[in-house]
Each structure stands twice: as C-alpha cells, then as structure tokens.
Amino acid sequence: MCRHVVQAGFDVSAYDLDPAALARAAGAGARPAAGIGDCVSGADVLLTSLPGPPQVEDVLCGPAGAIAAMTAGALVVEMSTSSLQVGRRAHAAAAAAGVELIDAPVAGQTIGAEAATLSIYVGGDAGAVARSRPLLEAVGNRERIFHVGPAGSGYTVKLLLNLTWFIQAVATAEALTVGVKAGVDLAKLHGALVDSPASSVFLARDVLPLLDRGDYDEGFSMRLVTKDLGLALDLARDVGVPVELSALVEQIHRRARAAYGDAAGEMSAVRLYEDLAAVKLRWDA
C-alpha cells in the first residue's frame, strides 16, 4: 500500500516498529522515519494500517501519539480493522487537536493490496472523505471505494464483511469435505455449487488458490482472523443482537488457530476440516 502511494506521486515518509517492514517501505521509495513524531511532522495526511485496536490507540492517541504531533487541519485516514470504542477515542483526540479523522478499513486479501485493487469502506465527514480520495484511489479500486456513513461506519461494515466471509469459509469447508467423502468428484461438486443459488464469491473465487495448490493464504494470519471475529462479536453484544452462528464460527477458527498456530493462513478452518475428514480438497487429489 505504501508503494502504491509513492508511485502515485506523493511525498511519503513511513514508520514501523519492525525494521524489516520499514526497510521494505524505504525500498518502495518512502523516507524511513525515526519514529512516529518524525513520520508525521509537517504531513498533510497520515495513513495508518495496524494489527488491531490496541495498536491503533497507541499510535494515534495520547501525548506521544501521532495526532498530538500533527498540525491542525491535517487528516488521518485510519485503515485498520479496529473497534468502534477505540475509533471514538481516536475521533475525540483528533477533534481536540483540530485534526480530521476518517475510518477506512480495506478488504481484498494480500493479492488486492499488491495489485492496488482493494475495496475500501469509509466512515466520516463527506468533506474529509473527498479529501482522502486521491490517496484511497492509489491503494484501491476507485469503483469500490464506499462512503458508508458517519464516523465508525467503515469499521462496522468491515467487521460484518469479515464475519460473513469467515462464516462462508466454514460453510464451504463443510460442504466440500462432506461431498468428497461421499464420493463426489471435487471439481464437479464445486462447479455445481458455483452454478447454483448457493454460490458466493468465496466459493467461486477466494477458495480457488487452496483447491489449486493448497494455499491457505498466510498473508493474513489466524491471529488476525480471530481478532476480527472477536471484534465482530463484541459489536453484536454492544448493539444487543444474539449471534449464535457467529459465535460458533469464531470458536471453529480459534480451534484452527490452536491447531496450526498464530501465523497460519486465514483459510486454516478449511484445513481443519480436511484433517478431521482425512481428505485434501485439491483438484488433483
């Protein structure tokens, strides 16, 4: 994402706690900063993409945070998958400093980040969203940048998108595993499901790298999967909606994380079903 912003012609400084990540940003043409304050000094816009709510709060809020170091009138585009509670505190800190802030989490997997085809779900003031659009178009598909409502709406939509996707991952894993164990050819089963009312983007596209070559997509880890699912359940509790299916799906993904580790790929729930059924969901298996 940093590389695409540089290639769009913006003057970019970058900072990360991980020296290797910072080196990659420098290799993409960004100026490596010595810290958060150095990174945002004099910046018109700050883009953040962080692992979760604790990191968002640490980076943005507080006396040593980015917002306190930014010039009044600057804009923060917060692109993490985070919580509404942390978002509210960040918005309050920004308002107190005279800084604008929008939440703009992304979807599209690692391949979308590499290709600058991410979908982006933006919550915030319309003027701030318009101001951010040239940067959002640098990292995402300009036709899939959605202003979904006021502050916090981007976070909400992203959490529900992820929740639905991970529910579909479990449903697809169960259906394909049962079908293969029952003796149906995987390709014929998959083709029939795709060409049916039960089809989905997950079934038609997202699961294909796994079926082709056993790619469980380690670009997005199970640590992040379970973090996002936990945030979605927290959201449901906050608004008072019972979500029994979602809670079960979260536990299935936590079981996959326990089995394969924090760094395992986001498709590991499918692997869990493969191992339980002693099959491999591959075209050539």
C-alpha atoms as a PDB file:
ATOM      1  CA  MET A   1       0.000   0.000   0.000  1.00  0.00           C
ATOM      2  CA  CYS A   2       2.871   2.340   0.829  1.00  0.00           C
ATOM      3  CA  ARG A   3       4.484   1.548  -2.509  1.00  0.00           C
ATOM      4  CA  HIS A   4       1.326   2.439  -4.405  1.00  0.00           C
ATOM      5  CA  VAL A   5       1.035   5.804  -2.627  1.00  0.00           C
ATOM      6  CA  VAL A   6       4.663   6.567  -3.564  1.00  0.00           C
ATOM      7  CA  GLN A   7       4.044   5.518  -7.166  1.00  0.00           C
ATOM      8  CA  ALA A   8       1.016   7.826  -7.312  1.00  0.00           C
ATOM      9  CA  GLY A   9       3.410  10.740  -6.876  1.00  0.00           C
ATOM     10  CA  PHE A  10       3.003  11.584  -3.192  1.00  0.00           C
ATOM     11  CA  ASP A  11       5.939  12.521  -0.958  1.00  0.00           C
ATOM     12  CA  VAL A  12       5.806   9.747   1.632  1.00  0.00           C
ATOM     13  CA  SER A  13       7.508   9.173   4.955  1.00  0.00           C
ATOM     14  CA  ALA A  14       6.962   5.843   6.701  1.00  0.00           C
ATOM     15  CA  TYR A  15       7.455   4.298  10.112  1.00  0.00           C
ATOM     16  CA  ASP A  16       7.052   0.802  11.572  1.00  0.00           C
ATOM     17  CA  LEU A  17       8.310  -0.896  14.723  1.00  0.00           C
ATOM     18  CA  ASP A  18       9.522  -3.788  12.541  1.00  0.00           C
ATOM     19  CA  PRO A  19      12.848  -2.802  10.915  1.00  0.00           C
ATOM     20  CA  ALA A  20      12.229  -5.221   8.037  1.00  0.00           C
ATOM     21  CA  ALA A  21       8.870  -3.606   7.258  1.00  0.00           C
ATOM     22  CA  LEU A  22      10.444  -0.160   7.402  1.00  0.00           C
ATOM     23  CA  ALA A  23      13.203  -1.318   5.058  1.00  0.00           C
ATOM     24  CA  ARG A  24      10.580  -2.535   2.573  1.00  0.00           C
ATOM     25  CA  ALA A  25       8.854   0.841   2.720  1.00  0.00           C
ATOM     26  CA  ALA A  26      12.175   2.575   2.105  1.00  0.00           C
ATOM     27  CA  GLY A  27      12.822   0.228  -0.789  1.00  0.00           C
ATOM     28  CA  ALA A  28       9.478   1.290  -2.259  1.00  0.00           C
ATOM     29  CA  GLY A  29      10.592   4.927  -2.220  1.00  0.00           C
ATOM     30  CA  ALA A  30       9.370   6.220   1.145  1.00  0.00           C
ATOM     31  CA  ARG A  31      11.592   8.171   3.530  1.00  0.00           C
ATOM     32  CA  PRO A  32      12.210   5.972   6.594  1.00  0.00           C
ATOM     33  CA  ALA A  33      11.300   7.945   9.709  1.00  0.00           C
ATOM     34  CA  ALA A  34      12.976   7.638  13.101  1.00  0.00           C
ATOM     35  CA  GLY A  35       9.674   7.485  14.969  1.00  0.00           C
ATOM     36  CA  ILE A  36       6.019   8.451  14.935  1.00  0.00           C
ATOM     37  CA  GLY A  37       6.677  12.133  15.523  1.00  0.00           C
ATOM     38  CA  ASP A  38       9.279  12.275  12.782  1.00  0.00           C
ATOM     39  CA  CYS A  39       6.959  10.427  10.414  1.00  0.00           C
ATOM     40  CA  VAL A  40       4.021  12.827  10.796  1.00  0.00           C
ATOM     41  CA  SER A  41       5.941  16.082  11.211  1.00  0.00           C
ATOM     42  CA  GLY A  42       4.578  18.529   8.649  1.00  0.00           C
ATOM     43  CA  ALA A  43       2.402  15.866   6.991  1.00  0.00           C
ATOM     44  CA  ASP A  44      -0.908  16.838   5.414  1.00  0.00           C
ATOM     45  CA  VAL A  45      -2.277  13.288   5.665  1.00  0.00           C
ATOM     46  CA  LEU A  46      -1.430  10.245   7.778  1.00  0.00           C
ATOM     47  CA  LEU A  47      -2.405   6.740   6.649  1.00  0.00           C
ATOM     48  CA  THR A  48      -2.339   4.034   9.316  1.00  0.00           C
ATOM     49  CA  SER A  49      -2.698   0.294   8.789  1.00  0.00           C
ATOM     50  CA  LEU A  50      -2.207  -1.546  12.089  1.00  0.00           C
ATOM     51  CA  PRO A  51      -2.823  -5.007  13.579  1.00  0.00           C
ATOM     52  CA  GLY A  52      -5.730  -4.079  15.848  1.00  0.00           C
ATOM     53  CA  PRO A  53      -7.381  -1.696  18.327  1.00  0.00           C
ATOM     54  CA  PRO A  54      -4.542  -1.593  20.921  1.00  0.00           C
ATOM     55  CA  GLN A  55      -2.039  -0.572  18.254  1.00  0.00           C
ATOM     56  CA  VAL A  56      -4.440   1.996  16.768  1.00  0.00           C
ATOM     57  CA  GLU A  57      -4.873   3.611  20.177  1.00  0.00           C
ATOM     58  CA  ASP A  58      -1.139   3.509  20.942  1.00  0.00           C
ATOM     59  CA  VAL A  59      -0.174   5.078  17.630  1.00  0.00           C
ATOM     60  CA  LEU A  60      -2.881   7.748  17.410  1.00  0.00           C
ATOM     61  CA  CYS A  61      -3.817   8.775  20.942  1.00  0.00           C
ATOM     62  CA  GLY A  62      -2.015  10.119  23.954  1.00  0.00           C
ATOM     63  CA  PRO A  63       0.737  12.704  24.443  1.00  0.00           C
ATOM     64  CA  ALA A  64       3.274  10.739  22.382  1.00  0.00           C
ATOM     65  CA  GLY A  65       0.777   9.712  19.687  1.00  0.00           C
ATOM     66  CA  ALA A  66       0.608  10.811  16.079  1.00  0.00           C
ATOM     67  CA  ILE A  67      -2.400  13.096  16.490  1.00  0.00           C
ATOM     68  CA  ALA A  68      -0.630  15.211  19.118  1.00  0.00           C
ATOM     69  CA  ALA A  69       2.330  15.631  16.746  1.00  0.00           C
ATOM     70  CA  MET A  70       0.242  16.652  13.706  1.00  0.00           C
ATOM     71  CA  THR A  71      -0.563  20.158  12.533  1.00  0.00           C
ATOM     72  CA  ALA A  72      -4.120  21.428  12.960  1.00  0.00           C
ATOM     73  CA  GLY A  73      -6.026  20.870   9.729  1.00  0.00           C
ATOM     74  CA  ALA A  74      -4.223  17.629   8.894  1.00  0.00           C
ATOM     75  CA  LEU A  75      -6.139  14.451   8.066  1.00  0.00           C
ATOM     76  CA  VAL A  76      -5.810  10.922   9.491  1.00  0.00           C
ATOM     77  CA  VAL A  77      -7.009   8.039   7.289  1.00  0.00           C
ATOM     78  CA  GLU A  78      -7.210   5.059   9.669  1.00  0.00           C
ATOM     79  CA  MET A  79      -7.235   1.900   7.520  1.00  0.00           C
ATOM     80  CA  SER A  80      -7.019  -0.806  10.190  1.00  0.00           C
ATOM     81  CA  THR A  81      -9.761  -3.237  11.168  1.00  0.00           C
ATOM     82  CA  SER A  82     -10.481  -1.819  14.605  1.00  0.00           C
ATOM     83  CA  SER A  83     -13.221  -1.342  17.184  1.00  0.00           C
ATOM     84  CA  LEU A  84     -15.824   1.384  17.465  1.00  0.00           C
ATOM     85  CA  GLN A  85     -14.721   2.121  21.023  1.00  0.00           C
ATOM     86  CA  VAL A  86     -11.137   2.873  20.015  1.00  0.00           C
ATOM     87  CA  GLY A  87     -12.437   4.731  16.966  1.00  0.00           C
ATOM     88  CA  ARG A  88     -14.490   7.027  19.188  1.00  0.00           C
ATOM     89  CA  ARG A  89     -11.478   7.804  21.372  1.00  0.00           C
ATOM     90  CA  ALA A  90      -9.331   8.499  18.319  1.00  0.00           C
ATOM     91  CA  HIS A  91     -12.001  10.789  16.849  1.00  0.00           C
ATOM     92  CA  ALA A  92     -12.238  12.673  20.144  1.00  0.00           C
ATOM     93  CA  ALA A  93      -8.461  13.107  20.259  1.00  0.00           C
ATOM     94  CA  ALA A  94      -8.439  14.306  16.656  1.00  0.00           C
ATOM     95  CA  ALA A  95     -11.260  16.794  17.231  1.00  0.00           C
ATOM     96  CA  ALA A  96      -9.478  18.216  20.269  1.00  0.00           C
ATOM     97  CA  ALA A  97      -6.331  18.741  18.171  1.00  0.00           C
ATOM     98  CA  GLY A  98      -8.144  20.243  15.178  1.00  0.00           C
ATOM     99  CA  VAL A  99      -7.295  17.198  13.056  1.00  0.00           C
ATOM    100  CA  GLU A 100      -9.787  15.385  10.807  1.00  0.00           C
ATOM    101  CA  LEU A 101     -10.059  11.588  11.054  1.00  0.00           C
ATOM    102  CA  ILE A 102     -11.891   9.006   8.961  1.00  0.00           C
ATOM    103  CA  ASP A 103     -12.032   5.224   9.339  1.00  0.00           C
ATOM    104  CA  ALA A 104     -11.299   3.453   6.053  1.00  0.00           C
ATOM    105  CA  PRO A 105     -10.631  -0.279   6.522  1.00  0.00           C
ATOM    106  CA  VAL A 106      -9.925  -2.378   3.442  1.00  0.00           C
ATOM    107  CA  ALA A 107     -10.823  -5.779   2.005  1.00  0.00           C
ATOM    108  CA  GLY A 108      -9.334  -7.784  -0.825  1.00  0.00           C
ATOM    109  CA  GLN A 109      -6.682 -10.070   0.681  1.00  0.00           C
ATOM    110  CA  THR A 110      -2.943  -9.765   0.111  1.00  0.00           C
ATOM    111  CA  ILE A 111      -3.395 -10.008  -3.636  1.00  0.00           C
ATOM    112  CA  GLY A 112      -5.594  -6.893  -3.594  1.00  0.00           C
ATOM    113  CA  ALA A 113      -3.011  -4.916  -1.648  1.00  0.00           C
ATOM    114  CA  GLU A 114      -0.293  -5.963  -4.109  1.00  0.00           C
ATOM    115  CA  ALA A 115      -2.418  -5.041  -7.135  1.00  0.00           C
ATOM    116  CA  ALA A 116      -3.975  -1.840  -5.685  1.00  0.00           C
ATOM    117  CA  THR A 117      -7.457  -3.294  -6.166  1.00  0.00           C
ATOM    118  CA  LEU A 118      -8.613  -3.209  -2.540  1.00  0.00           C
ATOM    119  CA  SER A 119     -12.180  -2.376  -1.609  1.00  0.00           C
ATOM    120  CA  ILE A 120     -12.345   0.430   0.960  1.00  0.00           C
ATOM    121  CA  TYR A 121     -15.197   1.170   3.379  1.00  0.00           C
ATOM    122  CA  VAL A 122     -15.093   4.722   4.677  1.00  0.00           C
ATOM    123  CA  GLY A 123     -16.804   6.298   7.659  1.00  0.00           C
ATOM    124  CA  GLY A 124     -16.573  10.020   8.339  1.00  0.00           C
ATOM    125  CA  ASP A 125     -17.355  13.531   7.185  1.00  0.00           C
ATOM    126  CA  ALA A 126     -18.044  13.819   3.449  1.00  0.00           C
ATOM    127  CA  GLY A 127     -15.503  16.613   3.022  1.00  0.00           C
ATOM    128  CA  ALA A 128     -12.745  14.586   4.661  1.00  0.00           C
ATOM    129  CA  VAL A 129     -13.659  11.575   2.560  1.00  0.00           C
ATOM    130  CA  ALA A 130     -13.407  13.656  -0.626  1.00  0.00           C
ATOM    131  CA  ARG A 131     -10.065  15.000   0.527  1.00  0.00           C
ATOM    132  CA  SER A 132      -8.747  11.464   1.056  1.00  0.00           C
ATOM    133  CA  ARG A 133      -9.955  10.080  -2.250  1.00  0.00           C
ATOM    134  CA  PRO A 134      -6.732  10.560  -4.310  1.00  0.00           C
ATOM    135  CA  LEU A 135      -4.857   8.515  -1.706  1.00  0.00           C
ATOM    136  CA  LEU A 136      -7.579   5.887  -1.459  1.00  0.00           C
ATOM    137  CA  GLU A 137      -7.570   5.532  -5.241  1.00  0.00           C
ATOM    138  CA  ALA A 138      -3.819   4.937  -5.109  1.00  0.00           C
ATOM    139  CA  VAL A 139      -4.275   1.786  -2.990  1.00  0.00           C
ATOM    140  CA  GLY A 140      -7.741   0.609  -4.001  1.00  0.00           C
ATOM    141  CA  ASN A 141     -10.178   0.106  -6.845  1.00  0.00           C
ATOM    142  CA  ARG A 142     -11.711   3.538  -7.466  1.00  0.00           C
ATOM    143  CA  GLU A 143     -15.063   1.892  -8.226  1.00  0.00           C
ATOM    144  CA  ARG A 144     -15.026   0.100  -4.869  1.00  0.00           C
ATOM    145  CA  ILE A 145     -14.423   2.993  -2.502  1.00  0.00           C
ATOM    146  CA  PHE A 146     -17.625   3.213  -0.489  1.00  0.00           C
ATOM    147  CA  HIS A 147     -18.576   6.084   1.825  1.00  0.00           C
ATOM    148  CA  VAL A 148     -20.830   4.059   4.110  1.00  0.00           C
ATOM    149  CA  GLY A 149     -21.820   6.682   6.676  1.00  0.00           C
ATOM    150  CA  PRO A 150     -20.585   8.770   9.610  1.00  0.00           C
ATOM    151  CA  ALA A 151     -17.529   8.073  11.737  1.00  0.00           C
ATOM    152  CA  GLY A 152     -17.321   4.422  12.773  1.00  0.00           C
ATOM    153  CA  SER A 153     -19.413   3.131   9.876  1.00  0.00           C
ATOM    154  CA  GLY A 154     -16.348   1.918   7.991  1.00  0.00           C
ATOM    155  CA  TYR A 155     -15.246  -0.173  10.957  1.00  0.00           C
ATOM    156  CA  THR A 156     -18.755  -1.616  11.341  1.00  0.00           C
ATOM    157  CA  VAL A 157     -19.094  -2.617   7.691  1.00  0.00           C
ATOM    158  CA  LYS A 158     -15.611  -4.159   7.623  1.00  0.00           C
ATOM    159  CA  LEU A 159     -16.233  -6.254  10.726  1.00  0.00           C
ATOM    160  CA  LEU A 160     -19.506  -7.553   9.284  1.00  0.00           C
ATOM    161  CA  LEU A 161     -17.872  -8.230   5.915  1.00  0.00           C
ATOM    162  CA  ASN A 162     -15.159 -10.285   7.613  1.00  0.00           C
ATOM    163  CA  LEU A 163     -17.714 -12.088   9.761  1.00  0.00           C
ATOM    164  CA  THR A 164     -19.725 -13.097   6.681  1.00  0.00           C
ATOM    165  CA  TRP A 165     -16.569 -14.188   4.817  1.00  0.00           C
ATOM    166  CA  PHE A 166     -15.375 -16.415   7.651  1.00  0.00           C
ATOM    167  CA  ILE A 167     -18.847 -17.926   8.037  1.00  0.00           C
ATOM    168  CA  GLN A 168     -18.684 -18.773   4.321  1.00  0.00           C
ATOM    169  CA  ALA A 169     -15.229 -20.301   4.799  1.00  0.00           C
ATOM    170  CA  VAL A 170     -16.621 -22.747   7.352  1.00  0.00           C
ATOM    171  CA  ALA A 171     -19.753 -23.476   5.305  1.00  0.00           C
ATOM    172  CA  THR A 172     -17.682 -24.117   2.171  1.00  0.00           C
ATOM    173  CA  ALA A 173     -15.246 -26.338   4.065  1.00  0.00           C
ATOM    174  CA  GLU A 174     -18.090 -28.438   5.451  1.00  0.00           C
ATOM    175  CA  ALA A 175     -19.919 -28.771   2.121  1.00  0.00           C
ATOM    176  CA  LEU A 176     -16.846 -29.672   0.074  1.00  0.00           C
ATOM    177  CA  THR A 177     -15.473 -32.091   2.651  1.00  0.00           C
ATOM    178  CA  VAL A 178     -18.789 -33.914   3.068  1.00  0.00           C
ATOM    179  CA  GLY A 179     -19.235 -34.133  -0.710  1.00  0.00           C
ATOM    180  CA  VAL A 180     -15.757 -35.506  -1.355  1.00  0.00           C
ATOM    181  CA  LYS A 181     -16.079 -38.028   1.477  1.00  0.00           C
ATOM    182  CA  ALA A 182     -19.403 -39.105  -0.054  1.00  0.00           C
ATOM    183  CA  GLY A 183     -17.597 -39.900  -3.314  1.00  0.00           C
ATOM    184  CA  VAL A 184     -18.422 -36.853  -5.461  1.00  0.00           C
ATOM    185  CA  ASP A 185     -15.595 -35.537  -7.639  1.00  0.00           C
ATOM    186  CA  LEU A 186     -14.356 -32.227  -6.190  1.00  0.00           C
ATOM    187  CA  ALA A 187     -14.358 -30.353  -9.495  1.00  0.00           C
ATOM    188  CA  LYS A 188     -17.882 -31.480 -10.353  1.00  0.00           C
ATOM    189  CA  LEU A 189     -19.136 -30.671  -6.846  1.00  0.00           C
ATOM    190  CA  HIS A 190     -17.507 -27.260  -6.868  1.00  0.00           C
ATOM    191  CA  GLY A 191     -18.827 -26.474 -10.341  1.00  0.00           C
ATOM    192  CA  ALA A 192     -22.354 -27.478  -9.381  1.00  0.00           C
ATOM    193  CA  LEU A 193     -22.287 -25.331  -6.231  1.00  0.00           C
ATOM    194  CA  VAL A 194     -20.891 -22.310  -8.074  1.00  0.00           C
ATOM    195  CA  ASP A 195     -23.634 -22.626 -10.696  1.00  0.00           C
ATOM    196  CA  SER A 196     -26.397 -22.753  -8.080  1.00  0.00           C
ATOM    197  CA  PRO A 197     -28.344 -20.468  -5.731  1.00  0.00           C
ATOM    198  CA  ALA A 198     -25.787 -21.381  -3.038  1.00  0.00           C
ATOM    199  CA  SER A 199     -22.913 -19.732  -4.899  1.00  0.00           C
ATOM    200  CA  SER A 200     -20.771 -16.984  -3.336  1.00  0.00           C
ATOM    201  CA  VAL A 201     -17.650 -15.008  -4.175  1.00  0.00           C
ATOM    202  CA  PHE A 202     -15.801 -17.113  -1.613  1.00  0.00           C
ATOM    203  CA  LEU A 203     -16.866 -20.344  -3.300  1.00  0.00           C
ATOM    204  CA  ALA A 204     -16.393 -19.094  -6.868  1.00  0.00           C
ATOM    205  CA  ARG A 205     -13.097 -17.233  -6.390  1.00  0.00           C
ATOM    206  CA  ASP A 206     -11.497 -16.966  -2.979  1.00  0.00           C
ATOM    207  CA  VAL A 207     -11.156 -20.692  -2.268  1.00  0.00           C
ATOM    208  CA  LEU A 208      -9.577 -21.435  -5.650  1.00  0.00           C
ATOM    209  CA  PRO A 209      -5.894 -20.945  -4.617  1.00  0.00           C
ATOM    210  CA  LEU A 210      -6.439 -23.562  -1.916  1.00  0.00           C
ATOM    211  CA  LEU A 211      -8.087 -26.024  -4.289  1.00  0.00           C
ATOM    212  CA  ASP A 212      -5.417 -25.356  -6.937  1.00  0.00           C
ATOM    213  CA  ARG A 213      -2.232 -25.561  -4.861  1.00  0.00           C
ATOM    214  CA  GLY A 214      -3.006 -25.815  -1.148  1.00  0.00           C
ATOM    215  CA  ASP A 215      -2.563 -22.083  -0.491  1.00  0.00           C
ATOM    216  CA  TYR A 216      -4.108 -21.270   2.900  1.00  0.00           C
ATOM    217  CA  ASP A 217      -3.203 -17.573   2.435  1.00  0.00           C
ATOM    218  CA  GLU A 218      -0.582 -16.896   5.081  1.00  0.00           C
ATOM    219  CA  GLY A 219      -0.676 -13.222   4.071  1.00  0.00           C
ATOM    220  CA  PHE A 220      -3.466 -12.871   6.639  1.00  0.00           C
ATOM    221  CA  SER A 221      -2.787 -14.781   9.833  1.00  0.00           C
ATOM    222  CA  MET A 222      -5.106 -16.691  12.122  1.00  0.00           C
ATOM    223  CA  ARG A 223      -4.126 -14.299  14.890  1.00  0.00           C
ATOM    224  CA  LEU A 224      -5.760 -11.519  12.871  1.00  0.00           C
ATOM    225  CA  VAL A 225      -8.707 -13.729  11.877  1.00  0.00           C
ATOM    226  CA  THR A 226      -9.630 -14.446  15.479  1.00  0.00           C
ATOM    227  CA  LYS A 227      -9.043 -10.797  16.431  1.00  0.00           C
ATOM    228  CA  ASP A 228     -11.511  -9.649  13.771  1.00  0.00           C
ATOM    229  CA  LEU A 229     -14.095 -12.272  14.692  1.00  0.00           C
ATOM    230  CA  GLY A 230     -13.814 -11.297  18.347  1.00  0.00           C
ATOM    231  CA  LEU A 231     -14.397  -7.648  17.426  1.00  0.00           C
ATOM    232  CA  ALA A 232     -17.465  -8.611  15.379  1.00  0.00           C
ATOM    233  CA  LEU A 233     -18.916 -10.489  18.356  1.00  0.00           C
ATOM    234  CA  ASP A 234     -18.153  -7.519  20.612  1.00  0.00           C
ATOM    235  CA  LEU A 235     -20.077  -5.311  18.174  1.00  0.00           C
ATOM    236  CA  ALA A 236     -23.066  -7.666  18.244  1.00  0.00           C
ATOM    237  CA  ARG A 237     -23.072  -7.634  22.044  1.00  0.00           C
ATOM    238  CA  ASP A 238     -22.831  -3.839  22.103  1.00  0.00           C
ATOM    239  CA  VAL A 239     -25.961  -3.492  19.952  1.00  0.00           C
ATOM    240  CA  GLY A 240     -27.798  -6.299  21.714  1.00  0.00           C
ATOM    241  CA  VAL A 241     -28.118  -8.792  18.858  1.00  0.00           C
ATOM    242  CA  PRO A 242     -27.764 -12.539  19.631  1.00  0.00           C
ATOM    243  CA  VAL A 243     -25.418 -14.162  17.101  1.00  0.00           C
ATOM    244  CA  GLU A 244     -25.244 -17.873  17.893  1.00  0.00           C
ATOM    245  CA  LEU A 245     -23.934 -18.914  14.458  1.00  0.00           C
ATOM    246  CA  SER A 246     -21.253 -16.235  14.509  1.00  0.00           C
ATOM    247  CA  ALA A 247     -20.126 -17.333  17.972  1.00  0.00           C
ATOM    248  CA  LEU A 248     -19.782 -20.940  16.790  1.00  0.00           C
ATOM    249  CA  VAL A 249     -17.843 -19.886  13.689  1.00  0.00           C
ATOM    250  CA  GLU A 250     -15.491 -17.849  15.866  1.00  0.00           C
ATOM    251  CA  GLN A 251     -14.809 -20.928  18.011  1.00  0.00           C
ATOM    252  CA  ILE A 252     -14.084 -23.050  14.919  1.00  0.00           C
ATOM    253  CA  HIS A 253     -11.488 -20.528  13.791  1.00  0.00           C
ATOM    254  CA  ARG A 254      -9.998 -20.404  17.280  1.00  0.00           C
ATOM    255  CA  ARG A 255      -9.717 -24.198  17.145  1.00  0.00           C
ATOM    256  CA  ALA A 256      -7.890 -23.915  13.793  1.00  0.00           C
ATOM    257  CA  ARG A 257      -5.566 -21.290  15.284  1.00  0.00           C
ATOM    258  CA  ALA A 258      -4.820 -23.594  18.231  1.00  0.00           C
ATOM    259  CA  ALA A 259      -4.100 -26.470  15.843  1.00  0.00           C
ATOM    260  CA  TYR A 260      -1.886 -24.645  13.339  1.00  0.00           C
ATOM    261  CA  GLY A 261      -0.527 -21.598  15.156  1.00  0.00           C
ATOM    262  CA  ASP A 262      -0.928 -17.842  15.208  1.00  0.00           C
ATOM    263  CA  ALA A 263       0.845 -17.377  11.869  1.00  0.00           C
ATOM    264  CA  ALA A 264      -1.197 -19.971   9.959  1.00  0.00           C
ATOM    265  CA  GLY A 265      -3.123 -18.709   6.934  1.00  0.00           C
ATOM    266  CA  GLU A 266      -6.664 -17.386   7.071  1.00  0.00           C
ATOM    267  CA  MET A 267      -8.012 -20.467   5.233  1.00  0.00           C
ATOM    268  CA  SER A 268      -6.919 -22.731   8.078  1.00  0.00           C
ATOM    269  CA  ALA A 269     -10.507 -23.554   9.031  1.00  0.00           C
ATOM    270  CA  VAL A 270     -10.721 -25.426   5.711  1.00  0.00           C
ATOM    271  CA  ARG A 271      -7.525 -27.266   6.630  1.00  0.00           C
ATOM    272  CA  LEU A 272      -9.109 -28.220   9.952  1.00  0.00           C
ATOM    273  CA  TYR A 273     -11.978 -29.960   8.137  1.00  0.00           C
ATOM    274  CA  GLU A 274      -9.558 -31.617   5.725  1.00  0.00           C
ATOM    275  CA  ASP A 275      -7.611 -33.065   8.637  1.00  0.00           C
ATOM    276  CA  LEU A 276     -10.718 -34.151  10.544  1.00  0.00           C
ATOM    277  CA  ALA A 277     -12.016 -35.962   7.447  1.00  0.00           C
ATOM    278  CA  ALA A 278      -8.588 -37.196   6.275  1.00  0.00           C
ATOM    279  CA  VAL A 279      -9.009 -35.691   2.801  1.00  0.00           C
ATOM    280  CA  LYS A 280      -7.264 -32.970   0.808  1.00  0.00           C
ATOM    281  CA  LEU A 281      -9.507 -30.610  -1.130  1.00  0.00           C
ATOM    282  CA  ARG A 282      -7.367 -30.423  -4.293  1.00  0.00           C
ATOM    283  CA  TRP A 283      -8.308 -30.845  -7.920  1.00  0.00           C
ATOM    284  CA  ASP A 284      -5.610 -33.490  -8.353  1.00  0.00           C
ATOM    285  CA  ALA A 285      -6.052 -35.294  -5.027  1.00  0.00           C
END
